[in-house]
């Protein structure tokens, strides 16, 4: 099961780059911004942590790829490109999107009840943008297939 959790080889380099960028955006503000601006320091720490997590995850996956034999790599590539696994992944993404949209709607409702109007509008904007992207991608793929 642990071998199935490996990410695709082409995503490792981009994940390393994203992790380094997040760490840089988290570390640089600590030298520039005053320490009294607590919100920036919290955001910088969060970005540094996320960047480090992405970087370490990518490095571990890179090491796992290097330790696999040629036969194991071929078997892994076949398994990752298997139609059944691709369909399972698509179904999981679909379910995750549906649940996320319900949760975002719930967050908008809770923010409105707590009288946080501006954050509620921001989250509502994210909800609307995600819905539009979903509709456009559905239209695109229905024409393609």
Foldseek 3Di string as FASTA:
>chain_A
DVLLPADDPVVLVVLLVQLVVLLCCLPVCVVVDDVVPPVSNVSSVVSNVVSVVSNVSSVVSVVVVVPDDPVVVVVSVCVVPPPVVVVVVVVVVVVVVVVVLVVLVVVLVVCVVVVVPVVSVVSVVVSVVVVVVVVVVVVVVVVVD
